[in-house]
């Protein structure tokens, strides 16, 4: 057996074992603290809501454990199990060329998509419905899925074809040109996302004139931020969860409020939440994350450029039918196994950004208002107040509730 095969199998099984161990710890820790509301929240969240959040977290965690096991089994079946080779052989009757290469990518994407569909369905109509969050009909679910497939094909096919063209036509430095094209494509998607892509799934209505809009505009002026518009999204069409976010890039930036958020938060609390989002822009977190993503993708393309001509790479991962598309698929499937242990570093960076955005919001509005808003959001979204510390440190992009609230209390005058 090839050394890479053993290394890949070991990394895949170790990653799965670690993920399952962390998930089991998380569920056990949440259940162990289910019976009492943490002291920091005793006056704002009642025991029934705390227990509901615990049960919701455990249900999602257990489903995630099953999904991780199935994903790992599918990964091994496609690679060392010979699944990719069988797909390549099934497409062998097609004439060699871009059409067959694209069909290979599409076939693998279809397999992965179909395998994940039952989990998405159960998460939506099982867990989310059981805990009172789901607003989506089965018809809307199917329509969204069809739109997602068509959108994925419309965006993904040209990108894949461009990469394949560079591989075949741009010489030894093709990977650099492909990376530049990939970056340009991502920036284009960021620019089009708020005005072209998101409206395919949700309705966006300009925020009506009134006290809330005037307060937000005052906040934006105070922070020196120019937005492409203030919009309310019909998030309640699919879920009772609430949120607010900025979308777009450059002059196309939009501030979007879920309709559920407007219903649940007071005006000053909404201002505090938006000030937090403005903090991300003030600290250039978005640009930093894009730069990090582009740096990682450069490494991906450089590695792909090296592995493209290495027959041992294909053979070690269960493939005899080497091709540019197959190399792209293999690396995309295998690389996450080897980079899984970097997850806590990325989580740590994200939590650092959240603390910085919180501090900015406390300066521009009020730490007390942000605390009140976050507490309502935790409560309404059934977010656990007692995550397992190790699981949280490994995965969580946001600080645990009690740490975040504690930091904000320290910023209060």
Protein backbone atom coordinates (compact mmCIF):
# COMPACT_ATOMS: atom_id res chain seq x y z
CA UNK A 1 0.00 0.00 0.00
CA UNK A 2 1.31 3.42 -0.94
CA UNK A 3 2.57 5.67 1.87
CA UNK A 4 0.14 8.42 0.86
CA UNK A 5 -2.74 5.94 1.07
CA UNK A 6 -1.81 5.05 4.64
CA UNK A 7 -1.32 8.69 5.53
CA UNK A 8 -4.67 9.65 4.02
CA UNK A 9 -6.51 6.82 5.77
CA UNK A 10 -4.87 7.66 9.07
CA UNK A 11 -5.66 11.37 8.75
CA UNK A 12 -9.27 10.69 7.71
CA UNK A 13 -9.93 8.29 10.58
CA UNK A 14 -8.13 10.49 13.11
CA UNK A 15 -10.11 13.56 12.00
CA UNK A 16 -13.37 11.65 12.29
CA UNK A 17 -12.45 10.26 15.70
CA UNK A 18 -11.54 13.70 16.99
CA UNK A 19 -14.71 15.27 15.57
CA UNK A 20 -16.90 12.59 17.16
CA UNK A 21 -15.07 12.83 20.49
CA UNK A 22 -15.49 16.60 20.59
CA UNK A 23 -19.17 16.34 19.64
CA UNK A 24 -19.80 13.72 22.32
CA UNK A 25 -18.06 15.92 24.91
CA UNK A 26 -20.16 18.88 23.79
CA UNK A 27 -23.48 17.04 24.08
CA UNK A 28 -22.56 15.59 27.48
CA UNK A 29 -21.45 18.97 28.82
CA UNK A 30 -24.61 20.73 27.63
CA UNK A 31 -26.82 18.01 29.19
CA UNK A 32 -24.86 18.12 32.46
CA UNK A 33 -25.64 21.85 32.77
CA UNK A 34 -29.21 21.60 31.54
CA UNK A 35 -30.77 21.85 34.98
CA UNK A 36 -29.62 25.34 35.93
CA UNK A 37 -29.40 28.67 34.12
CA UNK A 38 -25.89 30.16 34.38
CA UNK A 39 -25.73 32.92 36.98
CA UNK A 40 -24.87 35.54 34.34
CA UNK A 41 -28.24 34.95 32.65
CA UNK A 42 -30.44 34.00 35.61
CA UNK A 43 -32.36 37.29 35.45
CA UNK A 44 -32.93 37.32 31.69
CA UNK A 45 -33.40 33.71 30.53
CA UNK A 46 -35.72 31.31 32.33
CA UNK A 47 -35.07 27.64 32.99
CA UNK A 48 -37.52 26.39 30.34
CA UNK A 49 -35.78 28.42 27.62
CA UNK A 50 -32.37 27.24 28.83
CA UNK A 51 -33.47 23.59 28.73
CA UNK A 52 -34.99 24.07 25.27
CA UNK A 53 -31.64 25.47 24.05
CA UNK A 54 -29.81 22.51 25.57
CA UNK A 55 -32.12 19.98 23.90
CA UNK A 56 -31.87 21.82 20.57
CA UNK A 57 -28.07 21.89 20.75
CA UNK A 58 -27.84 18.20 21.61
CA UNK A 59 -30.22 17.24 18.79
CA UNK A 60 -28.17 19.19 16.24
CA UNK A 61 -24.90 17.82 17.62
CA UNK A 62 -26.05 14.21 17.42
CA UNK A 63 -27.24 14.67 13.85
CA UNK A 64 -23.88 16.27 13.07
CA UNK A 65 -22.09 13.21 14.45
CA UNK A 66 -24.03 10.92 12.13
CA UNK A 67 -23.44 13.25 9.20
CA UNK A 68 -19.69 13.35 9.91
CA UNK A 69 -19.56 9.55 9.94
CA UNK A 70 -21.47 9.29 6.66
CA UNK A 71 -19.33 11.99 5.04
CA UNK A 72 -16.15 10.17 6.05
CA UNK A 73 -17.46 6.85 4.75
CA UNK A 74 -18.43 8.51 1.46
CA UNK A 75 -15.01 10.16 1.19
CA UNK A 76 -13.24 6.83 1.59
CA UNK A 77 -15.65 5.10 -0.78
CA UNK A 78 -15.03 7.69 -3.48
CA UNK A 79 -11.25 7.70 -3.11
CA UNK A 80 -9.48 4.54 -1.90
CA UNK A 81 -12.74 2.61 -2.33
CA UNK A 82 -12.67 3.22 -6.09
CA UNK A 83 -15.85 5.27 -6.43
CA UNK A 84 -14.23 8.06 -8.44
CA UNK A 85 -12.65 5.50 -10.73
CA UNK A 86 -16.05 3.90 -11.35
CA UNK A 87 -17.56 7.29 -12.21
CA UNK A 88 -14.67 8.01 -14.58
CA UNK A 89 -15.17 4.63 -16.28
CA UNK A 90 -18.91 5.26 -16.61
CA UNK A 91 -18.15 8.51 -18.42
CA UNK A 92 -15.51 6.87 -20.60
CA UNK A 93 -17.89 6.55 -23.52
CA UNK A 94 -17.97 10.33 -23.88
CA UNK A 95 -15.40 11.86 -26.23
CA UNK A 96 -12.33 13.15 -24.42
CA UNK A 97 -12.42 16.89 -23.84
CA UNK A 98 -13.90 19.61 -21.75
CA UNK A 99 -17.42 18.14 -21.81
CA UNK A 100 -16.28 14.88 -20.22
CA UNK A 101 -14.12 16.70 -17.67
CA UNK A 102 -17.05 18.92 -16.71
CA UNK A 103 -19.37 15.91 -16.55
CA UNK A 104 -16.96 14.24 -14.10
CA UNK A 105 -17.02 17.26 -11.79
CA UNK A 106 -20.81 17.48 -12.07
CA UNK A 107 -21.25 13.77 -11.32
CA UNK A 108 -19.14 13.95 -8.17
CA UNK A 109 -20.96 17.11 -7.05
CA UNK A 110 -24.27 15.31 -7.60
CA UNK A 111 -23.18 12.33 -5.50
CA UNK A 112 -22.09 14.58 -2.65
CA UNK A 113 -25.24 16.68 -2.90
CA UNK A 114 -27.59 13.69 -2.87
CA UNK A 115 -25.74 12.18 0.09
CA UNK A 116 -26.19 15.38 2.10
CA UNK A 117 -29.84 15.91 1.19
CA UNK A 118 -31.37 13.60 3.87
CA UNK A 119 -29.48 15.44 6.60
CA UNK A 120 -30.61 18.83 5.34
CA UNK A 121 -34.17 17.55 5.13
CA UNK A 122 -34.13 16.15 8.67
CA UNK A 123 -32.42 19.25 10.05
CA UNK A 124 -35.16 21.42 8.48
CA UNK A 125 -38.32 19.34 8.91
CA UNK A 126 -37.18 17.33 11.91
CA UNK A 127 -35.08 19.32 14.35
CA UNK A 128 -35.94 22.88 13.27
CA UNK A 129 -39.64 22.05 13.08
CA UNK A 130 -39.64 20.23 16.44
CA UNK A 131 -38.18 23.25 18.21
CA UNK A 132 -40.49 25.72 16.50
CA UNK A 133 -38.01 27.38 14.14
CA UNK A 134 -38.91 26.03 10.72
CA UNK A 135 -41.21 28.13 8.54
CA UNK A 136 -40.27 26.49 5.25
CA UNK A 137 -42.76 24.40 3.31
CA UNK A 138 -41.69 21.24 1.53
CA UNK A 139 -42.50 22.91 -1.78
CA UNK A 140 -40.22 25.83 -0.95
CA UNK A 141 -37.50 23.40 0.11
CA UNK A 142 -37.64 21.70 -3.29
CA UNK A 143 -37.73 25.03 -5.14
CA UNK A 144 -34.71 26.26 -3.17
CA UNK A 145 -32.85 23.03 -3.92
CA UNK A 146 -33.54 23.35 -7.66
CA UNK A 147 -32.49 27.00 -7.65
CA UNK A 148 -29.33 26.05 -5.76
CA UNK A 149 -28.41 23.39 -8.31
CA UNK A 150 -29.04 25.71 -11.26
CA UNK A 151 -27.13 28.54 -9.61
CA UNK A 152 -24.26 26.21 -8.76
CA UNK A 153 -24.11 25.05 -12.37
CA UNK A 154 -24.34 28.59 -13.75
CA UNK A 155 -21.50 29.81 -11.54
CA UNK A 156 -19.43 26.66 -11.13
CA UNK A 157 -19.30 25.43 -14.73
CA UNK A 158 -17.62 28.55 -16.18
CA UNK A 159 -15.11 28.61 -13.32
CA UNK A 160 -14.21 24.94 -13.71
CA UNK A 161 -13.95 25.33 -17.49
CA UNK A 162 -11.67 28.35 -17.05
CA UNK A 163 -9.39 26.38 -14.71
CA UNK A 164 -9.29 23.44 -17.11
CA UNK A 165 -8.49 25.79 -19.98
CA UNK A 166 -5.54 27.29 -18.07
CA UNK A 167 -4.28 23.77 -17.26
CA UNK A 168 -4.32 22.80 -20.91
CA UNK A 169 -3.21 26.07 -22.49
CA UNK A 170 -1.22 28.30 -20.14
CA UNK A 171 2.02 26.36 -19.75
CA UNK A 172 3.93 25.66 -16.55
CA UNK A 173 2.57 28.69 -14.72
CA UNK A 174 -1.05 27.76 -15.40
CA UNK A 175 -1.80 27.41 -11.67
CA UNK A 176 -0.93 31.06 -11.05
CA UNK A 177 -3.15 32.28 -13.88
CA UNK A 178 -5.94 29.96 -12.70
CA UNK A 179 -5.61 31.35 -9.20
CA UNK A 180 -5.87 34.92 -10.48
CA UNK A 181 -8.99 33.97 -12.43
CA UNK A 182 -10.42 32.28 -9.33
CA UNK A 183 -9.83 35.42 -7.24
CA UNK A 184 -11.43 37.63 -9.87
CA UNK A 185 -14.41 35.29 -10.01
CA UNK A 186 -14.84 35.37 -6.21
CA UNK A 187 -14.73 39.16 -6.16
CA UNK A 188 -17.32 39.28 -8.94
CA UNK A 189 -19.61 36.97 -6.94
CA UNK A 190 -19.17 39.15 -3.84
CA UNK A 191 -20.17 42.17 -5.90
CA UNK A 192 -23.21 40.47 -7.45
CA UNK A 193 -24.33 38.59 -4.34
CA UNK A 194 -26.59 41.22 -2.76
CA UNK A 195 -28.28 42.48 -5.93
CA UNK A 196 -28.44 39.42 -8.19
CA UNK A 197 -27.98 36.19 -6.24
CA UNK A 198 -29.72 36.74 -2.89
CA UNK A 199 -32.94 38.09 -4.45
CA UNK A 200 -33.36 34.72 -6.16
CA UNK A 201 -34.15 33.26 -2.73
CA UNK A 202 -35.45 36.10 -0.58
CA UNK A 203 -37.44 39.30 -0.93
CA UNK A 204 -35.63 42.50 0.07
CA UNK A 205 -37.71 45.55 0.93
CA UNK A 206 -36.20 48.98 1.61
CA UNK A 207 -36.44 49.84 5.29
CA UNK A 208 -39.41 52.15 5.69
CA UNK A 209 -39.01 55.72 6.79
CA UNK A 210 -39.24 56.26 10.52
CA UNK A 211 -37.32 56.36 13.78
CA UNK A 212 -35.39 53.14 13.14
CA UNK A 213 -34.14 54.21 9.72
CA UNK A 214 -33.21 57.66 10.99
CA UNK A 215 -31.32 56.13 13.93
CA UNK A 216 -29.42 53.75 11.64
CA UNK A 217 -28.53 56.53 9.22
CA UNK A 218 -27.27 58.60 12.15
CA UNK A 219 -25.15 55.65 13.30
CA UNK A 220 -23.71 55.19 9.80
CA UNK A 221 -22.83 58.88 9.56
CA UNK A 222 -21.23 58.77 13.00
CA UNK A 223 -19.14 55.80 11.95
CA UNK A 224 -18.25 57.24 8.54
CA UNK A 225 -19.84 54.31 6.71
CA UNK A 226 -21.63 54.52 3.36
CA UNK A 227 -24.05 51.74 2.47
CA UNK A 228 -25.77 50.90 -0.79
CA UNK A 229 -29.10 50.68 1.02
CA UNK A 230 -30.97 49.55 4.14
CA UNK A 231 -33.16 46.51 3.54
CA UNK A 232 -35.45 44.13 5.40
CA UNK A 233 -35.28 40.48 4.36
CA UNK A 234 -38.22 38.10 4.68
CA UNK A 235 -36.26 35.65 6.82
CA UNK A 236 -39.48 34.51 8.48
CA UNK A 237 -40.39 32.87 5.18
CA UNK A 238 -37.99 30.06 6.07
CA UNK A 239 -37.14 30.28 9.75
CA UNK A 240 -37.92 32.00 13.04
CA UNK A 241 -34.20 32.56 13.63
CA UNK A 242 -33.15 36.21 13.56
CA UNK A 243 -30.04 37.95 12.31
CA UNK A 244 -28.60 41.05 10.71
CA UNK A 245 -25.71 41.21 8.25
CA UNK A 246 -23.88 43.26 5.67
CA UNK A 247 -23.70 41.84 2.16
CA UNK A 248 -21.85 42.85 -0.93
CA UNK A 249 -18.56 44.48 -1.65
CA UNK A 250 -17.46 48.02 -2.42
CA UNK A 251 -20.27 50.35 -3.46
CA UNK A 252 -22.72 47.43 -3.52
CA UNK A 253 -22.63 46.95 0.27
CA UNK A 254 -26.08 46.53 1.77
CA UNK A 255 -27.26 46.43 5.36
CA UNK A 256 -29.83 43.68 5.74
CA UNK A 257 -32.11 43.13 8.74
CA UNK A 258 -34.17 39.98 9.14
CA UNK A 259 -37.83 40.87 9.62
CA UNK A 260 -37.73 38.63 12.71
CA UNK A 261 -34.94 40.76 14.20
CA UNK A 262 -36.98 43.95 13.85
CA UNK A 263 -39.89 42.24 15.57
CA UNK A 264 -37.82 41.04 18.53
CA UNK A 265 -35.33 43.82 19.29
CA UNK A 266 -35.79 47.37 20.45
CA UNK A 267 -34.45 50.20 18.30
CA UNK A 268 -31.38 50.85 20.45
CA UNK A 269 -30.60 47.12 20.48
CA UNK A 270 -30.76 46.96 16.67
CA UNK A 271 -28.37 49.92 16.55
CA UNK A 272 -25.95 48.06 18.81
CA UNK A 273 -26.08 44.93 16.63
CA UNK A 274 -25.40 46.99 13.50
CA UNK A 275 -22.58 48.83 15.28
CA UNK A 276 -21.01 45.43 15.89
CA UNK A 277 -21.20 44.68 12.15
CA UNK A 278 -19.74 48.11 11.42
CA UNK A 279 -16.89 47.17 13.74
CA UNK A 280 -15.95 44.36 11.39
CA UNK A 281 -15.61 46.86 8.56
CA UNK A 282 -13.81 49.44 10.68
CA UNK A 283 -11.19 46.82 11.65
CA UNK A 284 -11.05 45.57 8.04
CA UNK A 285 -11.99 42.05 9.13
CA UNK A 286 -13.78 41.38 5.85
CA UNK A 287 -10.74 42.35 3.78
CA UNK A 288 -8.46 40.33 6.06
CA UNK A 289 -10.64 37.25 5.70
CA UNK A 290 -10.78 37.61 1.93
CA UNK A 291 -6.99 38.01 1.84
CA UNK A 292 -6.58 34.89 3.99
CA UNK A 293 -8.94 32.91 1.78
CA UNK A 294 -7.07 34.01 -1.34
CA UNK A 295 -3.72 33.08 0.25
CA UNK A 296 -5.02 29.61 1.10
CA UNK A 297 -6.39 29.20 -2.43
CA UNK A 298 -3.00 30.17 -3.86
CA UNK A 299 -1.47 27.31 -1.89
CA UNK A 300 -4.19 25.01 -3.21
CA UNK A 301 -3.49 25.88 -6.85
CA UNK A 302 0.28 25.68 -6.38
CA UNK A 303 -0.09 22.22 -4.83
CA UNK A 304 -2.45 21.20 -7.62
CA UNK A 305 0.14 22.33 -10.15
CA UNK A 306 2.68 20.02 -8.56
CA UNK A 307 0.39 17.00 -8.12
CA UNK A 308 -1.15 17.19 -11.59
CA UNK A 309 1.66 15.18 -13.17
CA UNK A 310 2.35 12.82 -10.23
CA UNK A 311 0.94 9.40 -11.09
CA UNK A 312 1.45 8.24 -7.50
CA UNK A 313 -1.01 10.90 -6.31
CA UNK A 314 -3.84 9.42 -8.38
CA UNK A 315 -2.92 5.80 -7.66
CA UNK A 316 -2.63 6.34 -3.91
CA UNK A 317 -6.18 7.73 -3.80
CA UNK A 318 -7.76 4.93 -5.81
CA UNK A 319 -7.75 6.40 -9.33
CA UNK A 320 -6.23 5.02 -12.52
CA UNK A 321 -7.92 7.49 -14.90
CA UNK A 322 -5.73 10.54 -14.36
CA UNK A 323 -7.01 13.83 -15.77
CA UNK A 324 -6.99 17.52 -14.82
CA UNK A 325 -10.57 17.36 -13.55
CA UNK A 326 -9.79 14.24 -11.53
CA UNK A 327 -6.77 15.93 -9.95
CA UNK A 328 -8.93 18.92 -9.02
CA UNK A 329 -11.56 16.65 -7.46
CA UNK A 330 -9.05 14.51 -5.56
CA UNK A 331 -7.26 17.45 -4.02
CA UNK A 332 -10.55 19.16 -3.09
CA UNK A 333 -11.71 15.97 -1.36
CA UNK A 334 -8.45 14.99 0.31
CA UNK A 335 -6.99 18.29 1.45
CA UNK A 336 -9.58 19.04 4.19
CA UNK A 337 -8.56 15.81 5.91
CA UNK A 338 -5.01 17.10 6.30
CA UNK A 339 -5.99 20.66 7.25
CA UNK A 340 -8.67 19.72 9.79
CA UNK A 341 -6.31 20.38 12.71
CA UNK A 342 -6.02 24.02 11.61
CA UNK A 343 -9.69 24.57 12.47
CA UNK A 344 -9.06 25.91 16.02
CA UNK A 345 -6.60 28.50 14.68
CA UNK A 346 -9.21 29.88 12.29
CA UNK A 347 -11.82 29.77 15.05
CA UNK A 348 -9.48 31.67 17.37
CA UNK A 349 -8.93 34.36 14.74
CA UNK A 350 -12.67 34.70 14.20
CA UNK A 351 -13.35 35.04 17.94
CA UNK A 352 -10.66 37.72 18.16
CA UNK A 353 -12.48 39.64 15.42
CA UNK A 354 -15.77 39.29 17.29
CA UNK A 355 -14.27 40.77 20.45
CA UNK A 356 -12.88 43.70 18.45
CA UNK A 357 -16.26 44.31 16.80
CA UNK A 358 -17.98 44.16 20.20
CA UNK A 359 -15.57 46.74 21.61
CA UNK A 360 -16.25 49.02 18.65
CA UNK A 361 -20.00 48.66 19.13
CA UNK A 362 -19.65 49.51 22.82
CA UNK A 363 -17.87 52.75 21.88
CA UNK A 364 -20.34 53.77 19.19
CA UNK A 365 -23.57 52.80 20.97
CA UNK A 366 -23.84 51.12 24.35
CA UNK A 367 -22.39 47.93 25.76
CA UNK A 368 -25.57 47.47 27.79
CA UNK A 369 -27.70 47.65 24.63
CA UNK A 370 -25.51 45.08 22.88
CA UNK A 371 -25.70 42.80 25.93
CA UNK A 372 -29.50 43.08 25.90
CA UNK A 373 -29.63 42.39 22.15
CA UNK A 374 -27.30 39.40 22.34
CA UNK A 375 -29.21 37.93 25.27
CA UNK A 376 -32.45 38.13 23.31
CA UNK A 377 -30.79 36.61 20.24
CA UNK A 378 -29.31 33.76 22.30
CA UNK A 379 -32.70 33.13 23.81
CA UNK A 380 -34.74 33.40 20.61
CA UNK A 381 -32.28 31.28 18.59
CA UNK A 382 -31.96 28.66 21.36
CA UNK A 383 -28.18 29.06 21.45
CA UNK A 384 -26.65 27.09 24.30
CA UNK A 385 -25.20 29.13 27.15
CA UNK A 386 -23.04 26.23 28.32
CA UNK A 387 -20.93 24.86 25.43
CA UNK A 388 -18.14 22.41 26.14
CA UNK A 389 -14.98 24.55 26.44
CA UNK A 390 -12.86 22.26 24.28
CA UNK A 391 -15.50 21.91 21.57
CA UNK A 392 -16.03 25.68 21.61
CA UNK A 393 -12.30 26.41 21.37
CA UNK A 394 -12.01 24.07 18.39
CA UNK A 395 -15.06 25.10 16.37
CA UNK A 396 -16.81 28.23 17.54
CA UNK A 397 -16.41 31.34 15.38
CA UNK A 398 -18.06 33.41 18.14
CA UNK A 399 -17.01 33.53 21.80
CA UNK A 400 -19.14 31.56 24.29
CA UNK A 401 -22.04 33.65 25.59
CA UNK A 402 -20.80 34.05 29.18
CA UNK A 403 -17.31 35.14 28.05
CA UNK A 404 -18.68 37.56 25.49
CA UNK A 405 -21.17 39.10 27.90
CA UNK A 406 -18.50 39.28 30.60
CA UNK A 407 -16.18 41.22 28.28
CA UNK A 408 -18.97 43.62 27.36
CA UNK A 409 -19.84 44.22 31.00
CA UNK A 410 -16.25 45.24 31.52
CA UNK A 411 -16.69 47.85 28.77
CA UNK A 412 -19.79 49.38 30.36
CA UNK A 413 -19.26 52.82 31.96
